[in-house]
């Protein structure tokens, strides 16, 4: 999930860079100067595009923070799983040892009945 979010973030960043590049190229040509007969709609489109880019940048930053938090939680869970696995292995070894010791005590205990066999 983290990898997918990071990939999505990279795609948005690439798209954002391309849009910024296009915007910079367009900014080289004056858009809203009186000497040019450019409709006001074009200028409003540029402003809207800038607002979208700002929103996209904010969203990308939020996604990055969320992904970092998720990554930290995943790392914590991996450590906890490793700890639990180690404890499970220790308990299994202890159980095996106790079972073996208990079996040895039963087989090495002299039979009371064996004393009376003639």
N, C-alpha and C. Protein backbone atom coordinates (compact mmCIF):
# COMPACT_ATOMS: atom_id res chain seq x y z
N UNK A 1 0.83 -1.19 0.00
CA UNK A 1 0.00 0.00 0.00
C UNK A 1 0.87 1.25 0.00
N UNK A 2 1.94 1.20 0.80
CA UNK A 2 2.86 2.33 0.87
C UNK A 2 3.53 2.55 -0.48
N UNK A 3 3.93 1.48 -1.12
CA UNK A 3 4.59 1.60 -2.43
C UNK A 3 3.63 2.19 -3.46
N UNK A 4 2.37 1.79 -3.41
CA UNK A 4 1.39 2.32 -4.36
C UNK A 4 1.18 3.81 -4.13
N UNK A 5 1.12 4.23 -2.86
CA UNK A 5 0.96 5.65 -2.55
C UNK A 5 2.17 6.44 -3.00
N UNK A 6 3.36 5.88 -2.79
CA UNK A 6 4.57 6.57 -3.23
C UNK A 6 4.61 6.70 -4.75
N UNK A 7 4.19 5.66 -5.45
CA UNK A 7 4.13 5.71 -6.91
C UNK A 7 3.13 6.77 -7.36
N UNK A 8 1.99 6.82 -6.72
CA UNK A 8 0.97 7.82 -7.04
C UNK A 8 1.52 9.22 -6.78
N UNK A 9 2.24 9.39 -5.70
CA UNK A 9 2.85 10.67 -5.37
C UNK A 9 3.86 11.07 -6.45
N UNK A 10 4.69 10.13 -6.88
CA UNK A 10 5.67 10.41 -7.93
C UNK A 10 4.96 10.84 -9.22
N UNK A 11 3.87 10.15 -9.57
CA UNK A 11 3.14 10.49 -10.78
C UNK A 11 2.57 11.90 -10.68
N UNK A 12 2.01 12.24 -9.53
CA UNK A 12 1.47 13.58 -9.34
C UNK A 12 2.58 14.63 -9.41
N UNK A 13 3.72 14.31 -8.85
CA UNK A 13 4.83 15.26 -8.87
C UNK A 13 5.32 15.47 -10.31
N UNK A 14 5.37 14.40 -11.09
CA UNK A 14 5.78 14.53 -12.48
C UNK A 14 4.76 15.36 -13.26
N UNK A 15 3.49 15.09 -13.02
CA UNK A 15 2.45 15.86 -13.69
C UNK A 15 2.52 17.33 -13.28
N UNK A 16 2.77 17.56 -12.01
CA UNK A 16 2.86 18.92 -11.50
C UNK A 16 4.05 19.64 -12.14
N UNK A 17 5.17 18.95 -12.26
CA UNK A 17 6.35 19.56 -12.87
C UNK A 17 6.07 19.92 -14.33
N UNK A 18 5.39 19.03 -15.05
CA UNK A 18 5.05 19.30 -16.44
C UNK A 18 4.11 20.49 -16.55
N UNK A 19 3.13 20.55 -15.66
CA UNK A 19 2.20 21.68 -15.68
C UNK A 19 2.91 22.99 -15.34
N UNK A 20 3.82 22.95 -14.39
CA UNK A 20 4.58 24.14 -14.04
C UNK A 20 5.42 24.60 -15.23
N UNK A 21 6.04 23.63 -15.89
CA UNK A 21 6.87 23.96 -17.05
C UNK A 21 6.02 24.63 -18.13
N UNK A 22 4.85 24.08 -18.38
CA UNK A 22 3.95 24.68 -19.37
C UNK A 22 3.54 26.08 -18.93
N UNK A 23 3.26 26.23 -17.66
CA UNK A 23 2.85 27.52 -17.14
C UNK A 23 3.97 28.54 -17.29
N UNK A 24 5.21 28.11 -16.99
CA UNK A 24 6.35 29.02 -17.13
C UNK A 24 6.55 29.44 -18.57
N UNK A 25 6.36 28.50 -19.48
CA UNK A 25 6.48 28.83 -20.90
C UNK A 25 5.40 29.84 -21.31
N UNK A 26 4.21 29.62 -20.80
CA UNK A 26 3.11 30.53 -21.12
C UNK A 26 3.30 31.89 -20.46
N UNK A 27 3.94 31.90 -19.29
CA UNK A 27 4.17 33.17 -18.59
C UNK A 27 5.17 34.05 -19.33
N UNK A 28 6.01 33.43 -20.13
CA UNK A 28 6.97 34.21 -20.90
C UNK A 28 6.25 35.13 -21.89
N UNK A 29 5.07 34.68 -22.29
CA UNK A 29 4.24 35.50 -23.16
C UNK A 29 3.24 36.22 -22.28
N UNK A 30 3.23 37.55 -22.31
CA UNK A 30 2.28 38.26 -21.45
C UNK A 30 0.84 37.93 -21.84
N UNK A 31 0.01 37.70 -20.83
CA UNK A 31 -1.35 37.29 -21.16
C UNK A 31 -2.37 38.38 -20.93
N UNK A 32 -2.17 39.16 -19.93
CA UNK A 32 -3.23 40.10 -19.56
C UNK A 32 -2.85 41.56 -19.79
N UNK A 33 -1.95 41.81 -20.66
CA UNK A 33 -1.57 43.19 -20.94
C UNK A 33 -2.56 43.80 -21.92
N UNK A 34 -2.83 45.08 -21.77
CA UNK A 34 -3.83 45.72 -22.64
C UNK A 34 -3.47 45.69 -24.11
N UNK A 35 -2.16 45.65 -24.45
CA UNK A 35 -1.79 45.69 -25.86
C UNK A 35 -2.18 44.42 -26.60
N UNK A 36 -2.39 43.34 -25.85
CA UNK A 36 -2.81 42.10 -26.50
C UNK A 36 -4.29 41.92 -26.32
N UNK A 37 -4.90 41.33 -27.26
CA UNK A 37 -6.34 41.10 -27.16
C UNK A 37 -6.60 39.66 -26.70
N UNK A 38 -6.18 39.38 -25.48
CA UNK A 38 -6.38 38.05 -24.91
C UNK A 38 -7.62 38.13 -24.03
N UNK A 39 -8.52 37.21 -24.19
CA UNK A 39 -9.73 37.24 -23.37
C UNK A 39 -9.40 37.09 -21.89
N UNK A 40 -10.24 37.70 -21.06
CA UNK A 40 -10.03 37.60 -19.62
C UNK A 40 -10.19 36.17 -19.14
N UNK A 41 -10.91 35.38 -19.89
CA UNK A 41 -11.08 33.97 -19.51
C UNK A 41 -9.74 33.26 -19.46
N UNK A 42 -8.84 33.62 -20.35
CA UNK A 42 -7.52 32.98 -20.36
C UNK A 42 -6.78 33.29 -19.07
N UNK A 43 -6.83 34.53 -18.63
CA UNK A 43 -6.16 34.90 -17.38
C UNK A 43 -6.80 34.17 -16.20
N UNK A 44 -8.11 34.07 -16.21
CA UNK A 44 -8.75 33.36 -15.11
C UNK A 44 -8.39 31.87 -15.15
N UNK A 45 -8.19 31.34 -16.34
CA UNK A 45 -7.75 29.94 -16.46
C UNK A 45 -6.36 29.76 -15.86
N UNK A 46 -5.49 30.74 -16.10
CA UNK A 46 -4.15 30.66 -15.52
C UNK A 46 -4.23 30.70 -13.99
N UNK A 47 -5.06 31.59 -13.47
CA UNK A 47 -5.22 31.68 -12.01
C UNK A 47 -5.80 30.37 -11.45
N UNK A 48 -6.77 29.85 -12.16
CA UNK A 48 -7.39 28.60 -11.71
C UNK A 48 -6.37 27.46 -11.76
N UNK A 49 -5.57 27.46 -12.81
CA UNK A 49 -4.53 26.44 -12.94
C UNK A 49 -3.54 26.57 -11.78
N UNK A 50 -3.19 27.79 -11.42
CA UNK A 50 -2.27 28.02 -10.31
C UNK A 50 -2.88 27.53 -9.00
N UNK A 51 -4.17 27.78 -8.81
CA UNK A 51 -4.84 27.31 -7.61
C UNK A 51 -4.86 25.78 -7.56
N UNK A 52 -5.10 25.17 -8.69
CA UNK A 52 -5.11 23.71 -8.76
C UNK A 52 -3.73 23.17 -8.42
N UNK A 53 -2.70 23.81 -8.97
CA UNK A 53 -1.33 23.37 -8.70
C UNK A 53 -1.01 23.49 -7.21
N UNK A 54 -1.43 24.60 -6.59
CA UNK A 54 -1.20 24.78 -5.16
C UNK A 54 -1.91 23.71 -4.37
N UNK A 55 -3.16 23.44 -4.74
CA UNK A 55 -3.92 22.39 -4.05
C UNK A 55 -3.26 21.03 -4.23
N UNK A 56 -2.78 20.78 -5.43
CA UNK A 56 -2.13 19.51 -5.70
C UNK A 56 -0.84 19.38 -4.89
N UNK A 57 -0.09 20.46 -4.78
CA UNK A 57 1.13 20.43 -3.97
C UNK A 57 0.81 20.15 -2.51
N UNK A 58 -0.24 20.80 -2.00
CA UNK A 58 -0.64 20.56 -0.61
C UNK A 58 -1.07 19.12 -0.42
N UNK A 59 -1.84 18.62 -1.36
CA UNK A 59 -2.30 17.23 -1.27
C UNK A 59 -1.10 16.28 -1.30
N UNK A 60 -0.15 16.56 -2.18
CA UNK A 60 1.04 15.70 -2.28
C UNK A 60 1.81 15.70 -0.96
N UNK A 61 1.93 16.88 -0.33
CA UNK A 61 2.63 16.96 0.95
C UNK A 61 1.87 16.17 2.02
N UNK A 62 0.55 16.28 2.02
CA UNK A 62 -0.26 15.54 2.99
C UNK A 62 -0.11 14.04 2.77
N UNK A 63 -0.10 13.62 1.51
CA UNK A 63 0.07 12.20 1.20
C UNK A 63 1.44 11.71 1.65
N UNK A 64 2.45 12.55 1.47
CA UNK A 64 3.80 12.16 1.87
C UNK A 64 3.85 11.96 3.39
N UNK A 65 3.26 12.89 4.14
CA UNK A 65 3.24 12.77 5.60
C UNK A 65 2.47 11.52 6.01
N UNK A 66 1.30 11.31 5.37
CA UNK A 66 0.49 10.13 5.69
C UNK A 66 1.25 8.85 5.37
N UNK A 67 1.96 8.83 4.24
CA UNK A 67 2.73 7.65 3.85
C UNK A 67 3.87 7.40 4.83
N UNK A 68 4.51 8.47 5.29
CA UNK A 68 5.59 8.31 6.27
C UNK A 68 5.05 7.74 7.57
N UNK A 69 3.88 8.24 8.01
CA UNK A 69 3.27 7.71 9.23
C UNK A 69 2.92 6.24 9.06
N UNK A 70 2.34 5.91 7.90
CA UNK A 70 1.99 4.52 7.62
C UNK A 70 3.23 3.64 7.59
N UNK A 71 4.29 4.14 6.97
CA UNK A 71 5.55 3.38 6.93
C UNK A 71 6.10 3.14 8.33
N UNK A 72 6.02 4.17 9.19
CA UNK A 72 6.49 4.00 10.57
C UNK A 72 5.66 2.97 11.31
N UNK A 73 4.34 3.01 11.12
CA UNK A 73 3.48 2.01 11.76
C UNK A 73 3.80 0.61 11.27
N UNK A 74 4.02 0.48 9.97
CA UNK A 74 4.36 -0.83 9.41
C UNK A 74 5.68 -1.34 10.00
N UNK A 75 6.68 -0.46 10.11
CA UNK A 75 7.96 -0.87 10.69
C UNK A 75 7.78 -1.31 12.15
N UNK A 76 6.95 -0.57 12.90
CA UNK A 76 6.68 -0.96 14.29
C UNK A 76 6.01 -2.33 14.35
N UNK A 77 5.06 -2.56 13.46
CA UNK A 77 4.37 -3.84 13.44
C UNK A 77 5.31 -4.98 13.06
N UNK A 78 6.22 -4.73 12.14
CA UNK A 78 7.19 -5.75 11.75
C UNK A 78 8.08 -6.10 12.94
N UNK A 79 8.52 -5.07 13.68
CA UNK A 79 9.33 -5.33 14.88
C UNK A 79 8.54 -6.13 15.91
N UNK A 80 7.28 -5.77 16.09
CA UNK A 80 6.44 -6.46 17.07
C UNK A 80 6.21 -7.91 16.65
N UNK A 81 5.99 -8.15 15.37
CA UNK A 81 5.81 -9.51 14.86
C UNK A 81 7.08 -10.31 15.06
N UNK A 82 8.23 -9.69 14.81
CA UNK A 82 9.51 -10.39 15.03
C UNK A 82 9.67 -10.75 16.50
N UNK A 83 9.29 -9.82 17.39
CA UNK A 83 9.37 -10.08 18.83
C UNK A 83 8.46 -11.24 19.21
N UNK A 84 7.22 -11.21 18.72
CA UNK A 84 6.28 -12.28 19.02
C UNK A 84 6.76 -13.62 18.47
N UNK A 85 7.33 -13.59 17.28
CA UNK A 85 7.85 -14.84 16.69
C UNK A 85 8.97 -15.41 17.55
N UNK A 86 9.84 -14.53 18.05
CA UNK A 86 10.92 -14.98 18.93
C UNK A 86 10.38 -15.57 20.22
N UNK A 87 9.37 -14.89 20.78
CA UNK A 87 8.76 -15.41 22.01
C UNK A 87 8.08 -16.75 21.76
N UNK A 88 7.41 -16.87 20.64
CA UNK A 88 6.74 -18.13 20.29
C UNK A 88 7.77 -19.25 20.19
N UNK A 89 8.89 -18.95 19.54
CA UNK A 89 9.93 -19.96 19.39
C UNK A 89 10.50 -20.36 20.75
N UNK A 90 10.69 -19.37 21.63
CA UNK A 90 11.19 -19.66 22.98
C UNK A 90 10.21 -20.54 23.74
N UNK A 91 8.93 -20.20 23.67
CA UNK A 91 7.91 -21.00 24.35
C UNK A 91 7.84 -22.41 23.78
N UNK A 92 7.99 -22.54 22.48
CA UNK A 92 7.96 -23.86 21.85
C UNK A 92 9.14 -24.70 22.33
N UNK A 93 10.32 -24.09 22.40
CA UNK A 93 11.49 -24.82 22.91
C UNK A 93 11.29 -25.22 24.36
N UNK A 94 10.76 -24.31 25.16
CA UNK A 94 10.51 -24.60 26.56
C UNK A 94 9.48 -25.72 26.70
N UNK A 95 8.42 -25.66 25.93
CA UNK A 95 7.39 -26.69 25.95
C UNK A 95 7.98 -28.04 25.56
N UNK A 96 8.80 -28.06 24.52
CA UNK A 96 9.42 -29.31 24.07
C UNK A 96 10.33 -29.87 25.16
N UNK A 97 11.09 -28.99 25.80
CA UNK A 97 11.99 -29.43 26.87
C UNK A 97 11.20 -29.98 28.05
N UNK A 98 10.14 -29.30 28.45
CA UNK A 98 9.31 -29.77 29.57
C UNK A 98 8.66 -31.10 29.22
N UNK A 99 8.17 -31.22 28.01
CA UNK A 99 7.53 -32.47 27.59
C UNK A 99 8.54 -33.61 27.61
N UNK A 100 9.76 -33.33 27.13
CA UNK A 100 10.81 -34.35 27.10
C UNK A 100 11.20 -34.74 28.52
N UNK A 101 11.38 -33.74 29.39
CA UNK A 101 11.73 -34.01 30.79
C UNK A 101 10.63 -34.81 31.48
N UNK A 102 9.40 -34.47 31.22
CA UNK A 102 8.28 -35.17 31.84
C UNK A 102 8.24 -36.61 31.31
N UNK A 103 8.52 -36.81 30.04
CA UNK A 103 8.54 -38.16 29.46
C UNK A 103 9.68 -38.97 30.06
N UNK A 104 10.85 -38.36 30.25
CA UNK A 104 12.01 -39.04 30.84
C UNK A 104 11.71 -39.45 32.28
N UNK A 105 11.02 -38.63 33.02
CA UNK A 105 10.70 -38.97 34.40
C UNK A 105 9.77 -40.18 34.47
N UNK A 106 8.84 -40.27 33.53
CA UNK A 106 7.91 -41.40 33.53
C UNK A 106 8.64 -42.67 33.15
N UNK A 107 9.54 -42.64 32.20
CA UNK A 107 10.22 -43.86 31.75
C UNK A 107 11.29 -44.31 32.73
N UNK A 108 11.87 -43.38 33.51
CA UNK A 108 12.93 -43.75 34.44
C UNK A 108 12.42 -44.00 35.86
N UNK A 109 11.17 -43.83 36.10
CA UNK A 109 10.60 -44.08 37.42
C UNK A 109 10.44 -45.59 37.58
N UNK A 110 11.03 -46.15 38.64
CA UNK A 110 10.91 -47.61 38.83
C UNK A 110 9.46 -47.99 39.10
N UNK A 111 9.08 -49.08 38.55
CA UNK A 111 7.72 -49.54 38.71
C UNK A 111 7.54 -50.21 40.06
N UNK A 112 6.50 -49.83 40.72
CA UNK A 112 6.19 -50.45 42.01
C UNK A 112 5.71 -51.88 41.75
N UNK A 113 5.04 -52.06 40.64
CA UNK A 113 4.56 -53.41 40.32
C UNK A 113 5.70 -54.35 40.01
N UNK A 114 6.77 -53.81 39.46
CA UNK A 114 7.92 -54.64 39.09
C UNK A 114 8.58 -55.26 40.31
N UNK A 115 8.43 -54.71 41.45
CA UNK A 115 9.04 -55.25 42.67
C UNK A 115 8.34 -56.52 43.12
N UNK A 116 7.11 -56.68 42.77
CA UNK A 116 6.36 -57.83 43.24
C UNK A 116 6.32 -58.97 42.23
N UNK A 117 6.93 -58.76 41.11
CA UNK A 117 6.92 -59.83 40.11
C UNK A 117 7.99 -60.86 40.52
N UNK A 118 7.60 -62.18 40.59
CA UNK A 118 8.53 -63.23 41.00
C UNK A 118 8.99 -64.01 39.86
